[in-house]
N, C-alpha and C. Protein backbone atom coordinates (compact mmCIF):
# COMPACT_ATOMS: atom_id res chain seq x y z
N UNK A 1 42.94 84.56 100.12
CA UNK A 1 42.24 84.80 98.66
C UNK A 1 40.77 84.61 98.62
N UNK A 2 39.77 85.40 98.44
CA UNK A 2 38.46 85.31 98.42
C UNK A 2 38.19 84.25 97.53
N UNK A 3 37.16 83.55 97.75
CA UNK A 3 36.77 82.11 96.94
C UNK A 3 36.39 82.65 95.69
N UNK A 4 35.91 83.89 95.23
CA UNK A 4 35.00 83.86 93.80
C UNK A 4 36.37 84.09 92.92
N UNK A 5 37.81 84.84 93.74
CA UNK A 5 38.83 84.62 92.94
C UNK A 5 39.71 83.81 92.90
N UNK A 6 39.75 82.53 93.67
CA UNK A 6 39.93 81.40 93.71
C UNK A 6 39.50 80.51 92.59
N UNK A 7 38.15 80.76 92.46
CA UNK A 7 37.39 79.83 91.37
C UNK A 7 37.80 80.47 89.93
N UNK A 8 37.79 81.80 89.90
CA UNK A 8 38.26 82.68 88.72
C UNK A 8 39.57 81.93 88.09
N UNK A 9 40.72 81.83 89.13
CA UNK A 9 41.83 81.67 88.92
C UNK A 9 41.72 79.99 88.34
N UNK A 10 41.12 79.29 88.77
CA UNK A 10 40.97 77.71 88.70
C UNK A 10 40.40 77.64 87.26
N UNK A 11 39.03 78.26 86.97
CA UNK A 11 38.62 78.43 85.75
C UNK A 11 39.66 78.81 84.73
N UNK A 12 40.24 79.86 84.90
CA UNK A 12 41.63 80.39 83.74
C UNK A 12 42.62 79.19 83.71
N UNK A 13 43.01 78.57 84.64
CA UNK A 13 44.05 77.39 84.40
C UNK A 13 43.50 76.15 83.48
N UNK A 14 42.11 75.94 83.94
CA UNK A 14 41.59 74.94 83.57
C UNK A 14 41.11 75.22 81.60
N UNK A 15 40.72 76.37 81.71
CA UNK A 15 40.56 76.80 80.10
C UNK A 15 41.88 76.58 79.41
N UNK A 16 43.11 76.59 79.70
CA UNK A 16 44.11 76.52 79.09
C UNK A 16 44.97 75.28 79.57
N UNK A 17 44.32 74.09 79.63
CA UNK A 17 45.15 72.88 80.16
C UNK A 17 46.55 72.72 79.29
N UNK A 18 46.86 72.66 78.21
CA UNK A 18 48.03 72.68 77.58
C UNK A 18 49.31 73.65 78.26
N UNK A 19 48.58 75.00 78.45
CA UNK A 19 49.84 75.71 79.18
C UNK A 19 50.41 75.17 80.48
N UNK A 20 49.32 74.91 81.12
CA UNK A 20 49.39 74.10 82.57
C UNK A 20 50.27 73.11 82.35
N UNK A 21 49.76 71.95 81.42
CA UNK A 21 50.79 71.01 81.38
C UNK A 21 52.00 71.00 80.71
N UNK A 22 52.12 71.88 80.01
CA UNK A 22 53.47 72.35 79.21
C UNK A 22 54.48 72.79 80.45
N UNK A 23 53.87 73.70 81.20
CA UNK A 23 54.65 74.02 82.78
C UNK A 23 55.10 73.11 83.35
N UNK A 24 54.13 72.00 83.80
CA UNK A 24 54.30 70.86 84.89
C UNK A 24 55.24 70.07 84.38
N UNK A 25 55.08 69.86 83.21
CA UNK A 25 55.73 68.97 82.38
C UNK A 25 57.15 69.00 81.95
N UNK A 26 57.72 70.53 82.08
CA UNK A 26 58.94 70.99 81.69
C UNK A 26 60.16 70.61 82.69
N UNK A 27 61.08 70.51 82.22
CA UNK A 27 62.45 69.88 83.23
C UNK A 27 63.16 71.22 83.19
N UNK A 28 62.47 72.01 83.29
CA UNK A 28 63.34 73.26 83.87
C UNK A 28 63.70 74.17 82.39
N UNK A 29 63.07 73.72 81.65
CA UNK A 29 63.41 74.47 80.32
C UNK A 29 62.07 75.72 80.45
N UNK A 30 62.35 77.06 79.66
CA UNK A 30 61.43 78.21 79.54
C UNK A 30 60.09 77.57 79.01
N UNK A 31 58.88 77.87 79.68
CA UNK A 31 57.68 77.75 78.90
C UNK A 31 56.74 78.83 79.13
N UNK A 32 55.72 78.98 78.34
CA UNK A 32 54.79 79.92 78.27
C UNK A 32 53.98 80.47 79.72
N UNK A 33 54.11 79.49 80.68
CA UNK A 33 53.52 79.67 81.87
C UNK A 33 54.67 79.28 83.11
N UNK A 34 55.12 80.51 83.72
CA UNK A 34 56.00 80.04 84.68
C UNK A 34 55.83 79.25 85.61
N UNK A 35 56.51 78.17 85.90
CA UNK A 35 56.54 77.21 86.75
C UNK A 35 56.27 77.45 88.36
N UNK A 36 56.92 78.52 88.65
CA UNK A 36 56.93 79.03 89.82
C UNK A 36 55.62 80.10 90.19
N UNK A 37 55.42 80.53 89.25
CA UNK A 37 54.04 81.58 89.59
C UNK A 37 52.58 80.52 89.40
N UNK A 38 52.80 79.28 88.36
CA UNK A 38 51.70 78.46 88.53
C UNK A 38 51.77 77.59 89.67
N UNK A 39 52.90 77.33 90.53
CA UNK A 39 52.84 76.82 92.10
C UNK A 39 52.37 77.74 92.86
N UNK A 40 52.65 78.94 92.92
CA UNK A 40 51.76 80.00 93.66
C UNK A 40 50.42 80.04 93.30
N UNK A 41 49.91 80.23 92.17
CA UNK A 41 48.62 80.15 91.98
C UNK A 41 48.05 78.90 92.57
N UNK A 42 48.52 77.77 92.53
CA UNK A 42 47.68 76.53 92.54
C UNK A 42 48.00 76.24 94.20
N UNK A 43 49.10 77.04 94.89
CA UNK A 43 48.96 76.94 96.53
C UNK A 43 47.79 77.90 96.70
N UNK A 44 47.83 79.00 96.20
CA UNK A 44 46.58 79.97 96.56
C UNK A 44 45.28 79.45 96.54
N UNK A 45 44.93 78.58 95.49
CA UNK A 45 43.61 77.90 95.31
C UNK A 45 43.32 76.55 96.17
N UNK A 46 44.79 76.06 96.61
CA UNK A 46 44.53 74.63 97.16
C UNK A 46 43.62 74.50 98.53
N UNK A 47 43.02 75.59 99.10
CA UNK A 47 42.33 75.52 100.18
C UNK A 47 40.88 75.41 99.82
N UNK A 48 40.55 75.98 98.68
CA UNK A 48 39.22 75.57 97.82
C UNK A 48 39.08 74.19 97.20
N UNK A 49 38.50 73.25 97.77
CA UNK A 49 38.43 71.86 97.06
C UNK A 49 37.79 72.09 95.97
N UNK A 50 36.90 72.83 95.36
CA UNK A 50 36.06 72.77 94.12
C UNK A 50 36.93 73.53 92.87
N UNK A 51 37.78 74.55 93.68
CA UNK A 51 38.59 75.21 92.46
C UNK A 51 39.87 74.30 92.27
N UNK A 52 40.60 73.62 93.15
CA UNK A 52 41.50 72.60 92.81
C UNK A 52 40.95 71.24 92.11
N UNK A 53 39.83 70.75 92.50
CA UNK A 53 39.25 70.02 91.30
C UNK A 53 39.04 70.17 90.05
N UNK A 54 38.58 71.70 89.96
CA UNK A 54 38.73 72.20 88.64
C UNK A 54 39.94 72.07 87.71
N UNK A 55 40.89 72.49 88.39
CA UNK A 55 42.27 72.15 87.75
C UNK A 55 42.65 70.84 87.64
N UNK A 56 42.53 70.23 88.65
CA UNK A 56 42.74 68.73 88.62
C UNK A 56 42.23 67.97 87.33
N UNK A 57 40.91 68.44 87.40
CA UNK A 57 40.03 67.72 86.32
C UNK A 57 40.45 68.16 84.73
N UNK A 58 40.72 69.11 84.81
CA UNK A 58 41.29 69.83 83.64
C UNK A 58 42.31 68.94 83.06
N UNK A 59 43.47 68.75 83.96
CA UNK A 59 44.78 68.16 83.90
C UNK A 59 44.41 66.78 83.34
N UNK A 60 43.61 66.02 84.40
CA UNK A 60 43.52 64.65 83.96
C UNK A 60 42.93 64.01 82.61
N UNK A 61 41.97 65.17 82.35
CA UNK A 61 41.65 65.14 80.83
C UNK A 61 42.65 65.25 79.90
N UNK A 62 43.47 66.29 80.16
CA UNK A 62 44.73 66.51 79.16
C UNK A 62 45.40 65.44 79.20
N UNK A 63 45.79 64.99 80.20
CA UNK A 63 46.80 63.59 80.48
C UNK A 63 46.47 62.47 79.74
N UNK A 64 45.10 62.33 79.77
CA UNK A 64 44.26 61.16 79.18
C UNK A 64 44.58 61.31 77.70
N UNK A 65 44.34 62.49 77.44
CA UNK A 65 44.33 62.41 75.69
C UNK A 65 45.92 62.69 75.36
N UNK A 66 47.02 62.92 75.88
CA UNK A 66 48.12 62.72 75.65
C UNK A 66 48.52 61.29 75.60
N UNK A 67 48.17 60.51 76.53
CA UNK A 67 48.07 59.39 76.61
C UNK A 67 47.45 58.50 75.52
N UNK A 68 46.16 59.10 74.76
CA UNK A 68 45.54 58.44 73.80
C UNK A 68 46.46 58.93 72.56
N UNK A 69 47.53 59.68 72.65
CA UNK A 69 48.10 59.84 71.40
C UNK A 69 49.16 59.03 71.15
N UNK A 70 49.35 57.82 72.19
CA UNK A 70 50.40 56.69 71.75
C UNK A 70 49.84 55.83 70.98
N UNK A 71 50.67 55.41 69.96
CA UNK A 71 50.18 54.12 68.95
C UNK A 71 50.76 53.04 69.28
N UNK A 72 50.46 51.88 68.68
CA UNK A 72 50.83 50.55 68.74
C UNK A 72 52.18 50.73 68.58
N UNK A 73 52.63 51.26 67.45
CA UNK A 73 54.51 51.35 67.15
C UNK A 73 54.94 51.92 68.43
N UNK A 74 54.30 52.96 69.16
CA UNK A 74 55.02 53.31 70.43
C UNK A 74 55.25 52.49 71.32
N UNK A 75 54.26 51.74 71.64
CA UNK A 75 54.08 50.64 72.71
C UNK A 75 55.23 49.44 72.10
N UNK A 76 55.40 49.18 70.96
CA UNK A 76 56.46 48.15 70.41
C UNK A 76 57.93 48.36 70.80
N UNK A 77 57.92 50.05 70.31
CA UNK A 77 59.49 50.39 70.71
C UNK A 77 59.65 50.72 71.86
N UNK A 78 58.63 51.09 73.01
CA UNK A 78 59.03 51.69 74.05
C UNK A 78 59.91 52.72 74.36
N UNK A 79 61.10 52.41 75.14
CA UNK A 79 62.03 53.71 75.20
C UNK A 79 62.70 54.19 73.78
N UNK A 80 62.59 53.39 72.93
CA UNK A 80 63.12 53.60 71.56
C UNK A 80 62.25 54.75 70.64
N UNK A 81 60.90 54.77 71.14
CA UNK A 81 59.90 55.48 70.76
C UNK A 81 60.10 57.07 71.17
N UNK A 82 60.40 58.03 70.60
CA UNK A 82 61.08 59.21 71.25
C UNK A 82 59.55 59.79 71.80
N UNK A 83 58.66 59.67 70.97
CA UNK A 83 57.38 60.28 71.64
C UNK A 83 56.55 59.72 72.52
N UNK A 84 56.70 58.27 72.71
CA UNK A 84 56.27 57.49 73.83
C UNK A 84 56.88 57.71 75.00
N UNK A 85 58.33 58.03 75.01
CA UNK A 85 59.00 58.28 76.22
C UNK A 85 58.87 59.44 76.57
N UNK A 86 58.58 60.57 75.81
CA UNK A 86 58.52 61.96 76.05
C UNK A 86 56.97 62.28 76.60
N UNK A 87 56.08 61.38 75.82
CA UNK A 87 54.64 61.30 76.91
C UNK A 87 54.80 60.58 77.85
N UNK A 88 55.21 59.64 78.04
CA UNK A 88 55.44 58.82 79.62
C UNK A 88 56.20 59.91 80.74
N UNK A 89 57.10 60.53 80.13
CA UNK A 89 58.02 61.22 81.16
C UNK A 89 57.14 62.52 81.63
N UNK A 90 56.63 63.05 80.37
CA UNK A 90 55.96 64.40 80.61
C UNK A 90 54.63 64.02 81.63
N UNK A 91 53.87 62.94 81.30
CA UNK A 91 52.64 62.54 82.03
C UNK A 91 53.19 62.49 83.45
N UNK A 92 54.03 61.52 83.63
CA UNK A 92 54.36 61.49 85.22
C UNK A 92 54.61 62.88 85.75
N UNK A 93 55.67 63.65 85.34
CA UNK A 93 55.82 64.81 86.13
C UNK A 93 54.40 65.57 86.28
N UNK A 94 53.87 65.79 85.28
CA UNK A 94 52.66 66.55 85.64
C UNK A 94 51.85 65.71 86.70
N UNK A 95 51.20 64.67 86.51
CA UNK A 95 50.62 64.03 87.64
C UNK A 95 51.09 63.96 88.95
N UNK A 96 52.68 63.60 89.06
CA UNK A 96 53.37 63.62 90.41
C UNK A 96 53.30 64.93 91.02
N UNK A 97 53.49 66.16 90.29
CA UNK A 97 53.31 67.45 90.67
C UNK A 97 51.88 67.79 91.21
N UNK A 98 51.17 67.16 90.39
CA UNK A 98 49.79 67.63 90.56
C UNK A 98 49.05 66.99 91.89
N UNK A 99 49.64 65.95 91.80
CA UNK A 99 49.23 65.00 93.03
C UNK A 99 49.74 65.60 94.30
N UNK A 100 51.20 65.98 94.37
CA UNK A 100 51.65 66.34 95.55
C UNK A 100 51.03 67.71 96.07
N UNK A 101 50.65 68.43 94.97
CA UNK A 101 50.00 69.69 95.32
C UNK A 101 48.63 69.52 95.82
N UNK A 102 47.76 68.67 95.24
CA UNK A 102 46.58 68.49 95.49
C UNK A 102 46.63 68.13 97.09
N UNK A 103 47.41 66.97 97.58
CA UNK A 103 47.54 66.11 98.81
C UNK A 103 48.13 67.19 99.91
N UNK A 104 48.50 68.31 99.44
CA UNK A 104 49.20 69.26 100.34
C UNK A 104 47.82 70.06 101.24
N UNK A 105 47.03 69.96 100.59
CA UNK A 105 45.71 70.50 101.12
C UNK A 105 44.84 69.53 102.30
N UNK A 106 45.59 68.36 102.23
CA UNK A 106 44.95 67.29 103.21
C UNK A 106 45.59 67.47 104.38
N UNK A 107 45.05 67.47 105.46
CA UNK A 107 45.63 67.34 106.84
C UNK A 107 46.27 66.16 107.06
N UNK A 108 47.48 66.16 107.85
CA UNK A 108 48.77 65.30 107.99
C UNK A 108 47.92 63.90 108.48
N UNK A 109 47.08 64.11 109.51
CA UNK A 109 46.60 62.92 110.21
C UNK A 109 45.46 61.89 109.45
N UNK A 110 45.33 62.11 107.93
CA UNK A 110 44.34 61.60 107.42
C UNK A 110 44.97 60.67 106.16
N UNK A 111 45.78 59.69 106.96
CA UNK A 111 46.60 58.73 105.90
C UNK A 111 45.70 58.11 105.12
N UNK A 112 44.42 57.56 105.41
CA UNK A 112 43.83 57.11 104.61
C UNK A 112 43.09 57.51 103.53
N UNK A 113 42.92 58.98 103.85
CA UNK A 113 42.59 59.76 102.57
C UNK A 113 43.39 60.04 101.78
N UNK A 114 44.70 60.03 101.94
CA UNK A 114 46.18 60.40 101.03
C UNK A 114 46.29 59.23 100.53
N UNK A 115 46.09 58.00 100.77
CA UNK A 115 46.26 56.62 100.30
C UNK A 115 44.98 56.63 99.21
N UNK A 116 43.67 56.73 99.46
CA UNK A 116 42.75 56.73 98.61
C UNK A 116 43.03 57.75 97.41
N UNK A 117 43.63 58.78 97.77
CA UNK A 117 43.65 60.18 97.03
C UNK A 117 44.61 59.49 95.74
N UNK A 118 45.61 59.05 96.16
CA UNK A 118 46.80 58.66 95.73
C UNK A 118 46.37 57.73 94.60
N UNK A 119 45.50 56.35 95.15
CA UNK A 119 44.88 55.37 94.22
C UNK A 119 44.01 55.85 93.05
N UNK A 120 43.24 57.07 93.43
CA UNK A 120 42.23 57.68 92.59
C UNK A 120 43.16 58.57 91.49
N UNK A 121 43.96 59.27 92.13
CA UNK A 121 44.53 60.48 91.18
C UNK A 121 46.00 60.22 90.84
N UNK A 122 46.75 59.52 91.48
CA UNK A 122 48.29 59.15 91.46
C UNK A 122 48.64 58.23 90.42
N UNK A 123 49.83 58.07 90.76
CA UNK A 123 50.72 56.98 89.78
C UNK A 123 49.74 55.94 89.55
N UNK A 124 49.10 55.00 90.44
CA UNK A 124 48.26 53.70 89.87
C UNK A 124 47.42 54.28 88.53
N UNK A 125 46.73 55.37 88.97
CA UNK A 125 45.66 55.93 87.89
C UNK A 125 46.18 56.29 86.48
N UNK A 126 47.29 56.80 86.42
CA UNK A 126 48.14 57.10 84.84
C UNK A 126 48.55 55.63 84.55
N UNK A 127 49.11 54.84 85.57
CA UNK A 127 49.75 53.51 85.00
C UNK A 127 48.40 52.81 84.41
N UNK A 128 47.30 52.76 85.22
CA UNK A 128 46.23 51.94 84.55
C UNK A 128 45.82 52.68 83.02
N UNK A 129 45.77 53.95 83.18
CA UNK A 129 45.43 54.48 81.90
C UNK A 129 46.61 53.96 80.74
N UNK A 130 47.62 53.84 80.99
CA UNK A 130 49.16 53.77 79.84
C UNK A 130 48.67 52.09 79.53
N UNK A 131 48.18 51.37 80.53
CA UNK A 131 47.98 49.84 80.28
C UNK A 131 46.62 49.72 79.57
N UNK A 132 45.50 50.34 79.99
CA UNK A 132 44.40 50.51 79.03
C UNK A 132 44.74 50.61 77.61
N UNK A 133 45.59 51.84 77.57
CA UNK A 133 45.62 52.01 76.13
C UNK A 133 46.31 51.15 75.21
N UNK A 134 47.09 50.43 75.71
CA UNK A 134 48.00 49.45 75.30
C UNK A 134 46.99 48.29 75.20
N UNK A 135 46.36 47.67 75.78
CA UNK A 135 45.14 46.83 75.70
C UNK A 135 44.23 47.29 74.47
N UNK A 136 43.87 48.70 74.32
CA UNK A 136 42.89 49.18 73.41
C UNK A 136 43.96 48.89 71.97
N UNK A 137 45.09 49.00 71.96
CA UNK A 137 45.74 49.00 70.33
C UNK A 137 46.14 47.28 70.34
N UNK A 138 45.56 46.45 71.36
CA UNK A 138 45.83 44.91 71.16
C UNK A 138 47.48 44.56 71.60
N UNK A 139 47.77 45.21 72.24
CA UNK A 139 49.32 45.10 72.83
C UNK A 139 49.32 43.68 73.80
N UNK A 140 49.84 42.36 73.33
CA UNK A 140 49.94 41.45 74.16
C UNK A 140 49.93 41.70 75.76
N UNK A 141 49.12 40.90 76.45
CA UNK A 141 48.94 41.20 78.06
C UNK A 141 50.39 40.74 78.56
N UNK A 142 51.12 39.79 78.09
CA UNK A 142 52.61 39.45 78.43
C UNK A 142 53.36 40.55 78.38
N UNK A 143 53.31 41.58 77.38
CA UNK A 143 54.05 42.68 77.19
C UNK A 143 53.84 43.73 78.20
N UNK A 144 52.66 43.78 78.28
CA UNK A 144 52.10 44.74 79.39
C UNK A 144 52.58 44.40 80.63
N UNK A 145 52.76 43.29 81.12
CA UNK A 145 53.04 43.03 82.34
C UNK A 145 54.31 42.77 82.47
N UNK A 146 55.17 42.42 81.33
CA UNK A 146 56.44 42.16 81.75
C UNK A 146 57.27 43.49 81.56
N UNK A 147 58.10 43.40 82.92
CA UNK A 147 58.97 44.35 83.22
C UNK A 147 60.05 44.61 82.24
N UNK A 148 60.47 43.89 81.97
CA UNK A 148 61.67 43.84 80.52
C UNK A 148 61.10 44.06 79.25
N UNK A 149 59.88 44.28 78.82
CA UNK A 149 59.41 44.46 77.47
C UNK A 149 59.29 46.11 77.57
N UNK A 150 59.04 46.45 76.04
CA UNK A 150 59.34 47.85 75.69
C UNK A 150 58.12 48.61 76.82
N UNK A 151 56.91 48.11 77.00
CA UNK A 151 55.92 48.74 77.68
C UNK A 151 56.08 48.58 79.37
N UNK A 152 57.04 47.78 79.80
CA UNK A 152 57.87 47.81 80.89
C UNK A 152 58.76 49.05 81.29
N UNK A 153 59.44 49.08 79.91
CA UNK A 153 60.50 50.28 80.31
C UNK A 153 59.43 51.64 80.18
N UNK A 154 58.21 51.78 79.68
CA UNK A 154 57.81 53.19 79.67
C UNK A 154 57.02 53.19 80.98
N UNK A 155 56.65 52.07 81.34
CA UNK A 155 56.15 52.21 82.89
C UNK A 155 57.46 52.68 83.97
N UNK A 156 58.62 52.07 83.74
CA UNK A 156 59.29 52.50 84.75
C UNK A 156 59.77 54.04 84.73
N UNK A 157 59.78 54.54 83.16
CA UNK A 157 60.15 55.93 82.88
C UNK A 157 58.90 56.98 83.42
N UNK A 158 57.48 56.25 83.55
CA UNK A 158 56.41 57.09 84.18
C UNK A 158 56.57 57.25 85.36
N UNK A 159 56.61 55.99 86.11
CA UNK A 159 56.83 56.03 87.51
C UNK A 159 58.24 56.83 88.11
N UNK A 160 59.24 56.86 87.40
CA UNK A 160 60.23 57.66 87.78
C UNK A 160 60.01 59.08 87.63
N UNK A 161 59.45 59.59 86.64
CA UNK A 161 59.28 60.82 86.44
C UNK A 161 58.00 61.18 87.32
N UNK A 162 57.20 60.44 87.56
CA UNK A 162 55.90 60.90 88.55
C UNK A 162 56.69 61.02 90.20
N UNK A 163 57.36 59.99 90.38
CA UNK A 163 58.05 60.15 91.81
C UNK A 163 58.99 61.30 91.88
N UNK A 164 60.01 61.52 91.04
CA UNK A 164 60.78 62.75 90.94
C UNK A 164 60.00 64.09 91.08
N UNK A 165 59.12 64.24 90.61
CA UNK A 165 58.12 65.41 90.26
C UNK A 165 57.46 65.52 91.66
N UNK A 166 56.91 64.39 92.27
CA UNK A 166 56.05 64.51 93.52
C UNK A 166 56.85 64.50 94.65
N UNK A 167 58.45 64.31 94.82
CA UNK A 167 59.20 64.77 95.58
C UNK A 167 59.77 66.12 95.53
N UNK A 168 60.07 66.51 94.36
CA UNK A 168 60.18 68.10 94.17
C UNK A 168 59.48 68.91 94.55
N UNK A 169 58.23 68.36 94.10
CA UNK A 169 56.82 69.45 94.54
C UNK A 169 56.85 69.65 96.15
N UNK A 170 56.92 68.56 96.50
CA UNK A 170 56.90 68.46 98.19
C UNK A 170 57.84 69.34 98.70
N UNK A 171 59.12 69.23 98.27
CA UNK A 171 60.52 69.95 98.96
C UNK A 171 60.08 71.52 98.45
N UNK A 172 59.70 71.96 97.51
CA UNK A 172 59.24 73.15 96.99
C UNK A 172 58.24 73.70 97.99
N UNK A 173 57.41 72.90 98.35
CA UNK A 173 56.18 73.34 99.36
C UNK A 173 56.60 73.49 100.69
N UNK A 174 57.51 72.69 101.20
CA UNK A 174 57.88 72.81 102.64
C UNK A 174 59.08 74.16 102.45
N UNK A 175 59.75 74.43 101.57
CA UNK A 175 60.53 75.46 101.41
C UNK A 175 59.91 76.79 101.22
N UNK A 176 58.65 76.98 100.73
CA UNK A 176 57.63 77.98 100.62
C UNK A 176 57.03 78.25 101.98
N UNK A 177 56.94 77.05 102.53
CA UNK A 177 56.10 77.30 103.92
C UNK A 177 57.11 78.00 105.01
N UNK A 178 58.49 77.39 104.91
CA UNK A 178 59.41 77.85 105.46
C UNK A 178 59.79 79.90 105.62
N UNK A 179 59.28 79.72 104.28
CA UNK A 179 59.64 81.65 104.07
C UNK A 179 58.73 82.42 104.36
């Protein structure tokens, strides 16, 4: 695919981050933007670092806004807050999928690059954003760190959704490569 077309596709996706987010966050339900078509489009631009960075940056900003929508009550309720659970699971699915797609463009022998990418753009990044939001809302540090706290339950939901989505995206990419 020509570079100008890749860049145009990336800009189009970046201009509607809510549609990309909705598609990546879906758990199989019908969305405005078909997930398989989105995956095909992202794979088509994956070889163009600038285009992929455009999409990733747009989604990272949208993810940040979703995390910022959480309130102190959400953190106090943890899994009992439908909003908090929906946000953490959807953020996990989006970032797990996006990280997997982005890393698929890295050569296999660049383990250090993959590790660095994961730290900067993967689960640690969104976990830190979630913790930063909790701190900004004055959630006690013990509650942020305690696995058995409501916040701990949200981090477990986030990590589970992230890992499930990353694994599914990797499997789908392997299957697409075989076809």
